């Protein structure tokens, strides 16, 4: 344990040494922003006692970015610095099942990001991840299919390559929809004009078959693009009616939750036009929403859980029966665990969240980072 903590501290030191300068200005702006907005901050509606118990599943991690759970309860998850790791029978396995090496590169917001298991994982061993890498001097991201074997996990196939990346706005969330297709969020890579360019994979939600081919019913012919005009989405999930929702980082505040429709234009970076209006806009408050998940049971069944980075809290939204209106939004766990990255709705009604305090923008708590399970009390 002491060895592992030493390794973790070393990783943190190297990360800050290489990245802290690029984030110092962010921290100054964040503090100033919070002071300026104190009197006019967006107020959450109502309040309810949080009917979940908190259980620490794993700690001493390095920015666990995404996770998925097998039918028998194993948890596969990514760490931003390139490790794919496993929790089995409630025990974090000491060694990673796979570690990415160069040309993999974790600059800024990049690194090893999304992960999702194949629907037939128990039989075929496939799962999917997204990561950033260097190609000569160009920073890019790709989506790959992995093949899991206990002692021999391999990078099996590149599905999509050469997605524009940068130190900021990379997206990175992977989900498999009710239609069996793989959905991928990408950010604008700090080049806002790419979000409106259908020929670019940046600033989009992409949709593909599990072998990497383009579905014949995608909204744009011979294109992975499913929705566009997106700045930096890091969260995807479907409600019980198979409607797709996505989180979105606003430019200056105005974070969003959007209902995603095929071919939809969500407006970024344009100020005027025929765009799809967000389901939810945070107004002058900045939350930086990341992972989102609908609860699949428990006291908040059907509500949307939203992990927030800058907001350092878990937002819970109650929606109308048709899912087209926000009835109530409550904030929980504010500043208790710091920056929250992932939100995952398990089949038993529990919600998993992950912290992101070692990403160079947070203030680490003891034994960060963590995977946390929120267990329904009834």
Protein backbone atom coordinates (compact mmCIF):
# COMPACT_ATOMS: atom_id res chain seq x y z
CA UNK A 1 0.00 0.00 0.00
CA UNK A 2 2.81 2.43 0.89
CA UNK A 3 4.52 1.61 -2.38
CA UNK A 4 1.35 2.28 -4.32
CA UNK A 5 0.83 5.63 -2.56
CA UNK A 6 4.43 6.58 -3.35
CA UNK A 7 3.85 5.78 -7.01
CA UNK A 8 0.65 7.82 -6.96
CA UNK A 9 2.40 10.81 -5.36
CA UNK A 10 5.11 10.56 -7.98
CA UNK A 11 2.55 10.56 -10.73
CA UNK A 12 0.89 13.60 -9.21
CA UNK A 13 4.22 15.42 -8.96
CA UNK A 14 5.04 14.73 -12.60
CA UNK A 15 1.58 15.73 -13.67
CA UNK A 16 1.76 19.07 -11.87
CA UNK A 17 5.30 19.65 -13.11
CA UNK A 18 4.22 19.17 -16.70
CA UNK A 19 0.69 20.54 -16.63
CA UNK A 20 0.17 22.91 -13.71
CA UNK A 21 1.38 25.98 -15.54
CA UNK A 22 -1.24 25.53 -18.22
CA UNK A 23 -3.96 25.34 -15.56
CA UNK A 24 -2.86 28.14 -13.20
CA UNK A 25 -4.76 30.75 -15.18
CA UNK A 26 -7.83 28.49 -15.08
CA UNK A 27 -7.65 28.47 -11.30
CA UNK A 28 -7.35 32.25 -11.08
CA UNK A 29 -10.26 32.72 -13.45
CA UNK A 30 -12.31 30.17 -11.49
CA UNK A 31 -11.82 32.01 -8.17
CA UNK A 32 -12.58 35.38 -9.74
CA UNK A 33 -15.58 33.93 -11.54
CA UNK A 34 -17.01 32.52 -8.33
CA UNK A 35 -16.61 35.85 -6.51
CA UNK A 36 -18.22 37.80 -9.34
CA UNK A 37 -21.17 35.43 -9.53
CA UNK A 38 -21.84 35.04 -5.82
CA UNK A 39 -24.75 37.48 -5.80
CA UNK A 40 -26.27 36.29 -9.06
CA UNK A 41 -25.58 32.56 -8.93
CA UNK A 42 -28.12 30.16 -10.39
CA UNK A 43 -30.16 28.69 -7.55
CA UNK A 44 -31.10 25.04 -7.48
CA UNK A 45 -34.79 24.44 -7.08
CA UNK A 46 -36.10 22.87 -3.91
CA UNK A 47 -34.25 20.44 -1.66
CA UNK A 48 -34.64 16.81 -0.70
CA UNK A 49 -32.75 14.66 1.77
CA UNK A 50 -30.30 12.53 -0.19
CA UNK A 51 -31.62 8.95 0.21
CA UNK A 52 -28.35 7.21 -0.63
CA UNK A 53 -25.51 5.86 1.48
CA UNK A 54 -21.95 6.53 0.32
CA UNK A 55 -19.60 3.59 -0.19
CA UNK A 56 -15.97 4.00 -1.29
CA UNK A 57 -15.36 1.25 -3.85
CA UNK A 58 -11.71 2.07 -4.61
CA UNK A 59 -9.23 4.83 -3.81
CA UNK A 60 -5.62 5.86 -4.51
CA UNK A 61 -6.50 6.03 -8.21
CA UNK A 62 -5.33 8.47 -10.88
CA UNK A 63 -8.31 10.26 -12.45
CA UNK A 64 -10.70 7.34 -13.10
CA UNK A 65 -12.42 8.73 -16.19
CA UNK A 66 -14.96 6.07 -17.20
CA UNK A 67 -16.25 2.71 -16.01
CA UNK A 68 -18.58 -0.13 -16.92
CA UNK A 69 -19.82 -3.19 -15.03
CA UNK A 70 -20.18 -6.77 -16.26
CA UNK A 71 -23.20 -8.94 -15.52
CA UNK A 72 -21.23 -10.72 -12.78
CA UNK A 73 -20.25 -7.44 -11.10
CA UNK A 74 -16.70 -6.84 -12.30
CA UNK A 75 -15.86 -3.16 -12.78
CA UNK A 76 -13.62 -2.15 -15.67
CA UNK A 77 -12.38 1.43 -15.62
CA UNK A 78 -9.88 3.79 -17.20
CA UNK A 79 -7.29 5.99 -15.54
CA UNK A 80 -6.37 9.13 -17.43
CA UNK A 81 -2.66 8.29 -17.46
CA UNK A 82 -3.21 5.22 -19.64
CA UNK A 83 -4.19 2.32 -17.37
CA UNK A 84 -7.21 0.06 -17.81
CA UNK A 85 -7.97 -1.48 -14.44
CA UNK A 86 -10.28 -4.04 -12.89
CA UNK A 87 -12.20 -4.43 -9.64
CA UNK A 88 -13.15 -8.04 -9.09
CA UNK A 89 -15.14 -9.45 -6.15
CA UNK A 90 -14.97 -5.99 -4.62
CA UNK A 91 -11.15 -5.93 -4.71
CA UNK A 92 -9.09 -3.54 -6.80
CA UNK A 93 -6.55 -5.59 -8.73
CA UNK A 94 -3.03 -4.28 -8.15
CA UNK A 95 -1.86 -4.54 -11.74
CA UNK A 96 -3.62 -2.90 -14.66
CA UNK A 97 -5.01 -5.22 -17.32
CA UNK A 98 -3.53 -2.96 -20.00
CA UNK A 99 -1.35 0.17 -20.10
CA UNK A 100 -1.06 2.33 -23.19
CA UNK A 101 2.42 3.32 -24.30
CA UNK A 102 3.60 5.95 -26.83
CA UNK A 103 2.32 7.24 -29.17
CA UNK A 104 -0.30 7.49 -26.40
CA UNK A 105 -0.02 10.92 -24.78
CA UNK A 106 -1.94 12.50 -21.90
CA UNK A 107 -1.61 16.24 -22.42
CA UNK A 108 -4.06 18.67 -20.80
CA UNK A 109 -7.54 17.17 -20.85
CA UNK A 110 -6.35 14.28 -22.97
CA UNK A 111 -5.28 10.78 -22.05
CA UNK A 112 -7.25 7.57 -21.65
CA UNK A 113 -10.88 8.66 -21.51
CA UNK A 114 -14.10 6.76 -22.29
CA UNK A 115 -14.74 3.04 -21.89
CA UNK A 116 -17.75 0.85 -22.59
CA UNK A 117 -18.17 -2.93 -22.64
CA UNK A 118 -19.56 -4.76 -25.65
CA UNK A 119 -23.14 -6.02 -25.10
CA UNK A 120 -21.80 -9.55 -25.69
CA UNK A 121 -18.66 -9.01 -23.59
CA UNK A 122 -19.10 -12.25 -21.64
CA UNK A 123 -18.72 -14.20 -24.88
CA UNK A 124 -16.47 -12.09 -27.10
CA UNK A 125 -14.33 -10.17 -24.56
CA UNK A 126 -14.63 -6.92 -26.52
CA UNK A 127 -14.73 -3.45 -25.04
CA UNK A 128 -14.09 0.02 -26.44
CA UNK A 129 -11.96 2.95 -25.30
CA UNK A 130 -10.99 6.42 -26.52
CA UNK A 131 -7.54 7.93 -26.02
CA UNK A 132 -5.26 10.69 -27.28
CA UNK A 133 -1.93 10.23 -29.02
CA UNK A 134 0.78 12.07 -30.93
CA UNK A 135 1.23 11.64 -34.67
CA UNK A 136 4.50 13.46 -35.37
CA UNK A 137 3.66 16.89 -33.93
CA UNK A 138 -0.13 16.53 -34.25
CA UNK A 139 -2.28 15.74 -31.21
CA UNK A 140 -5.20 13.47 -32.08
CA UNK A 141 -7.63 11.00 -30.53
CA UNK A 142 -8.94 7.62 -31.62
CA UNK A 143 -11.53 5.03 -30.68
CA UNK A 144 -10.33 1.43 -30.49
CA UNK A 145 -11.76 -1.99 -29.78
CA UNK A 146 -9.94 -3.93 -27.06
CA UNK A 147 -10.01 -7.68 -26.48
CA UNK A 148 -9.89 -8.79 -22.85
CA UNK A 149 -8.11 -11.87 -21.62
CA UNK A 150 -6.99 -12.03 -18.03
CA UNK A 151 -3.31 -12.23 -18.85
CA UNK A 152 -3.33 -10.99 -22.42
CA UNK A 153 -5.57 -7.98 -23.11
CA UNK A 154 -4.75 -6.41 -26.47
CA UNK A 155 -5.63 -3.42 -28.62
CA UNK A 156 -7.62 -5.33 -31.22
CA UNK A 157 -8.78 -2.82 -33.82
CA UNK A 158 -8.79 0.92 -34.49
CA UNK A 159 -12.38 1.95 -35.24
CA UNK A 160 -11.98 5.71 -35.81
CA UNK A 161 -8.68 7.53 -36.10
CA UNK A 162 -7.31 11.07 -36.44
CA UNK A 163 -10.04 12.86 -34.47
CA UNK A 164 -8.78 16.42 -33.81
CA UNK A 165 -7.59 16.88 -30.22
CA UNK A 166 -5.95 19.56 -28.11
CA UNK A 167 -5.12 20.26 -24.48
CA UNK A 168 -8.78 21.26 -24.08
CA UNK A 169 -12.20 20.21 -25.41
CA UNK A 170 -11.69 16.57 -26.35
CA UNK A 171 -15.03 15.09 -25.25
CA UNK A 172 -14.31 11.40 -24.74
CA UNK A 173 -17.49 9.70 -23.54
CA UNK A 174 -18.38 6.31 -25.08
CA UNK A 175 -21.77 4.63 -24.74
CA UNK A 176 -23.58 1.84 -26.56
CA UNK A 177 -27.19 2.78 -27.24
CA UNK A 178 -30.39 0.75 -27.14
CA UNK A 179 -29.94 0.33 -30.89
CA UNK A 180 -26.64 -1.50 -30.36
CA UNK A 181 -24.56 1.30 -31.92
CA UNK A 182 -21.49 2.91 -30.40
CA UNK A 183 -21.85 6.62 -29.61
CA UNK A 184 -18.81 8.87 -29.08
CA UNK A 185 -18.58 12.49 -27.92
CA UNK A 186 -15.84 14.72 -29.32
CA UNK A 187 -14.98 18.30 -28.38
CA UNK A 188 -14.10 21.18 -30.68
CA UNK A 189 -10.37 20.76 -29.81
CA UNK A 190 -10.11 24.49 -29.15
CA UNK A 191 -11.10 25.21 -32.77
CA UNK A 192 -14.79 26.25 -32.50
CA UNK A 193 -15.33 26.46 -36.24
CA UNK A 194 -14.90 22.68 -36.54
CA UNK A 195 -18.14 22.11 -34.63
CA UNK A 196 -20.19 23.39 -37.58
CA UNK A 197 -18.06 21.56 -40.18
CA UNK A 198 -19.80 18.28 -41.03
CA UNK A 199 -16.63 16.99 -42.68
CA UNK A 200 -14.75 17.24 -39.35
CA UNK A 201 -15.13 14.74 -36.50
CA UNK A 202 -14.52 17.45 -33.88
CA UNK A 203 -17.36 19.02 -31.89
CA UNK A 204 -19.76 16.18 -32.60
CA UNK A 205 -21.60 13.17 -31.33
CA UNK A 206 -20.54 10.25 -33.53
CA UNK A 207 -22.44 7.01 -34.15
CA UNK A 208 -20.98 3.81 -35.56
CA UNK A 209 -21.43 0.08 -35.77
CA UNK A 210 -19.41 -1.94 -33.29
CA UNK A 211 -16.98 -2.93 -36.03
CA UNK A 212 -16.29 0.73 -36.83
CA UNK A 213 -18.33 0.92 -40.01
CA UNK A 214 -20.85 3.72 -40.65
CA UNK A 215 -24.51 2.80 -40.07
CA UNK A 216 -26.68 3.11 -43.16
CA UNK A 217 -29.30 5.09 -41.21
CA UNK A 218 -26.94 7.82 -39.94
CA UNK A 219 -28.34 11.29 -40.70
CA UNK A 220 -25.48 12.29 -43.05
CA UNK A 221 -24.46 9.93 -45.87
CA UNK A 222 -21.16 8.10 -45.37
CA UNK A 223 -20.49 10.04 -42.15
CA UNK A 224 -20.08 9.11 -38.50
CA UNK A 225 -21.66 12.44 -37.53
CA UNK A 226 -24.91 12.01 -35.59
CA UNK A 227 -25.20 15.52 -34.10
CA UNK A 228 -23.05 18.65 -34.43
CA UNK A 229 -22.54 22.18 -33.14
CA UNK A 230 -21.17 20.82 -29.85
CA UNK A 231 -18.45 22.48 -27.78
CA UNK A 232 -17.35 19.77 -25.35
CA UNK A 233 -19.72 17.01 -24.30
CA UNK A 234 -18.57 14.45 -21.73
CA UNK A 235 -21.82 12.73 -20.81
CA UNK A 236 -24.38 10.52 -22.60
CA UNK A 237 -27.31 8.39 -21.48
CA UNK A 238 -30.78 7.25 -22.57
CA UNK A 239 -34.01 7.39 -20.59
CA UNK A 240 -36.53 4.53 -20.41
CA UNK A 241 -38.08 5.77 -23.67
CA UNK A 242 -34.70 5.43 -25.45
CA UNK A 243 -34.29 9.21 -25.77
CA UNK A 244 -30.64 10.29 -25.82
CA UNK A 245 -29.44 13.06 -23.49
CA UNK A 246 -26.00 14.73 -23.42
CA UNK A 247 -24.18 17.11 -21.11
CA UNK A 248 -22.37 20.12 -22.58
CA UNK A 249 -19.75 22.53 -21.24
CA UNK A 250 -20.81 26.12 -21.90
CA UNK A 251 -18.42 28.84 -23.06
CA UNK A 252 -18.87 31.24 -20.14
CA UNK A 253 -21.25 29.50 -17.73
CA UNK A 254 -24.45 28.40 -19.56
CA UNK A 255 -23.71 24.69 -19.21
CA UNK A 256 -26.37 22.54 -20.85
CA UNK A 257 -28.24 19.28 -20.87
CA UNK A 258 -29.49 18.53 -24.38
CA UNK A 259 -31.88 16.05 -25.94
CA UNK A 260 -30.00 14.66 -28.92
CA UNK A 261 -31.81 14.07 -32.20
CA UNK A 262 -30.28 12.66 -35.41
CA UNK A 263 -28.74 15.42 -37.48
CA UNK A 264 -29.38 18.03 -34.80
CA UNK A 265 -27.38 21.28 -34.77
CA UNK A 266 -26.73 22.49 -31.20
CA UNK A 267 -25.40 25.85 -32.26
CA UNK A 268 -21.80 26.14 -31.10
CA UNK A 269 -20.08 28.53 -31.81
CA UNK A 270 -22.73 30.52 -33.70
CA UNK A 271 -24.86 33.09 -31.89
CA UNK A 272 -27.86 33.12 -34.21
CA UNK A 273 -29.58 30.50 -36.34
CA UNK A 274 -32.02 27.61 -36.32
CA UNK A 275 -30.54 25.59 -33.47
CA UNK A 276 -31.95 23.08 -31.01
CA UNK A 277 -32.65 24.71 -27.66
CA UNK A 278 -31.20 23.02 -24.56
CA UNK A 279 -33.40 21.13 -22.16
CA UNK A 280 -31.48 22.82 -19.35
CA UNK A 281 -29.24 25.90 -19.19
CA UNK A 282 -27.31 26.69 -16.02
CA UNK A 283 -27.58 30.44 -16.60
CA UNK A 284 -24.75 32.38 -15.00
CA UNK A 285 -23.61 29.43 -12.89
CA UNK A 286 -20.71 27.25 -14.05
CA UNK A 287 -20.93 23.55 -13.23
CA UNK A 288 -18.85 21.92 -16.00
CA UNK A 289 -21.08 18.82 -16.24
CA UNK A 290 -19.37 15.58 -17.16
CA UNK A 291 -20.84 12.07 -16.88
CA UNK A 292 -24.61 11.65 -16.72
CA UNK A 293 -26.77 8.64 -15.82
CA UNK A 294 -30.44 7.86 -15.35
CA UNK A 295 -31.20 5.96 -12.15
CA UNK A 296 -32.52 2.46 -12.91
CA UNK A 297 -34.44 2.00 -9.68
CA UNK A 298 -34.26 3.19 -6.09
CA UNK A 299 -35.75 6.34 -4.52
CA UNK A 300 -34.73 8.57 -7.43
CA UNK A 301 -35.73 6.11 -10.14
CA UNK A 302 -35.77 7.75 -13.56
CA UNK A 303 -34.02 10.92 -12.44
CA UNK A 304 -30.92 12.16 -14.22
CA UNK A 305 -27.69 12.22 -12.18
CA UNK A 306 -25.03 14.66 -13.38
CA UNK A 307 -21.44 14.69 -12.14
CA UNK A 308 -19.92 18.17 -12.20
CA UNK A 309 -16.27 19.16 -12.28
CA UNK A 310 -16.09 22.85 -11.44
CA UNK A 311 -19.38 22.61 -9.57
CA UNK A 312 -17.92 19.85 -7.35
CA UNK A 313 -21.33 18.38 -6.68
CA UNK A 314 -23.83 15.88 -7.97
CA UNK A 315 -26.88 17.39 -9.65
CA UNK A 316 -30.09 15.35 -9.74
CA UNK A 317 -32.82 16.35 -12.19
CA UNK A 318 -36.42 15.29 -12.07
CA UNK A 319 -37.96 15.42 -15.54
CA UNK A 320 -41.51 15.49 -16.79
CA UNK A 321 -43.12 12.22 -17.86
CA UNK A 322 -42.31 12.91 -21.52
CA UNK A 323 -38.73 13.87 -20.58
CA UNK A 324 -38.97 17.27 -22.28
CA UNK A 325 -39.04 19.51 -19.22
CA UNK A 326 -36.97 19.85 -16.04
CA UNK A 327 -39.31 19.84 -13.04
CA UNK A 328 -36.73 20.12 -10.29
CA UNK A 329 -32.96 20.18 -9.84
CA UNK A 330 -31.18 19.45 -6.57
CA UNK A 331 -27.48 19.54 -5.70
CA UNK A 332 -25.85 16.96 -3.41
CA UNK A 333 -22.39 16.16 -2.01
CA UNK A 334 -21.25 19.73 -2.69
CA UNK A 335 -17.51 20.06 -2.00
CA UNK A 336 -17.51 16.73 -0.14
CA UNK A 337 -15.50 14.81 -2.75
CA UNK A 338 -14.26 17.56 -5.05
CA UNK A 339 -14.45 17.34 -8.82
CA UNK A 340 -16.76 14.60 -10.09
CA UNK A 341 -16.15 13.02 -13.51
CA UNK A 342 -18.17 9.86 -14.20
CA UNK A 343 -21.79 9.00 -13.42
CA UNK A 344 -22.92 5.42 -14.00
CA UNK A 345 -26.36 3.97 -13.34
CA UNK A 346 -26.18 0.34 -12.24
CA UNK A 347 -29.00 -2.14 -12.78
CA UNK A 348 -29.65 -2.41 -9.01
CA UNK A 349 -30.52 1.29 -8.74
CA UNK A 350 -27.19 2.38 -7.28
CA UNK A 351 -25.19 5.19 -8.88
CA UNK A 352 -21.43 5.16 -9.29
CA UNK A 353 -19.43 8.39 -9.49
CA UNK A 354 -15.70 9.02 -9.81
CA UNK A 355 -13.55 11.90 -8.60
CA UNK A 356 -11.15 13.88 -10.77
CA UNK A 357 -9.03 15.75 -8.24
CA UNK A 358 -5.62 14.70 -9.61
CA UNK A 359 -6.32 16.12 -13.07
CA UNK A 360 -4.31 19.29 -12.38
CA UNK A 361 -7.36 21.44 -11.69
CA UNK A 362 -8.49 20.16 -8.31
CA UNK A 363 -7.35 20.13 -4.70
CA UNK A 364 -6.78 16.45 -3.90
CA UNK A 365 -8.40 14.92 -0.85
CA UNK A 366 -6.72 12.10 1.10
CA UNK A 367 -6.50 8.89 -0.94
CA UNK A 368 -7.75 10.52 -4.13
CA UNK A 369 -8.87 9.69 -6.65
CA UNK A 370 -11.88 7.51 -5.86
CA UNK A 371 -14.70 5.43 -7.26
CA UNK A 372 -17.79 5.95 -5.12
CA UNK A 373 -21.01 3.95 -5.01
CA UNK A 374 -24.26 5.62 -3.94
CA UNK A 375 -26.43 2.87 -2.46
CA UNK A 376 -30.22 3.43 -2.23
CA UNK A 377 -31.49 3.41 1.33
CA UNK A 378 -34.86 2.01 0.17
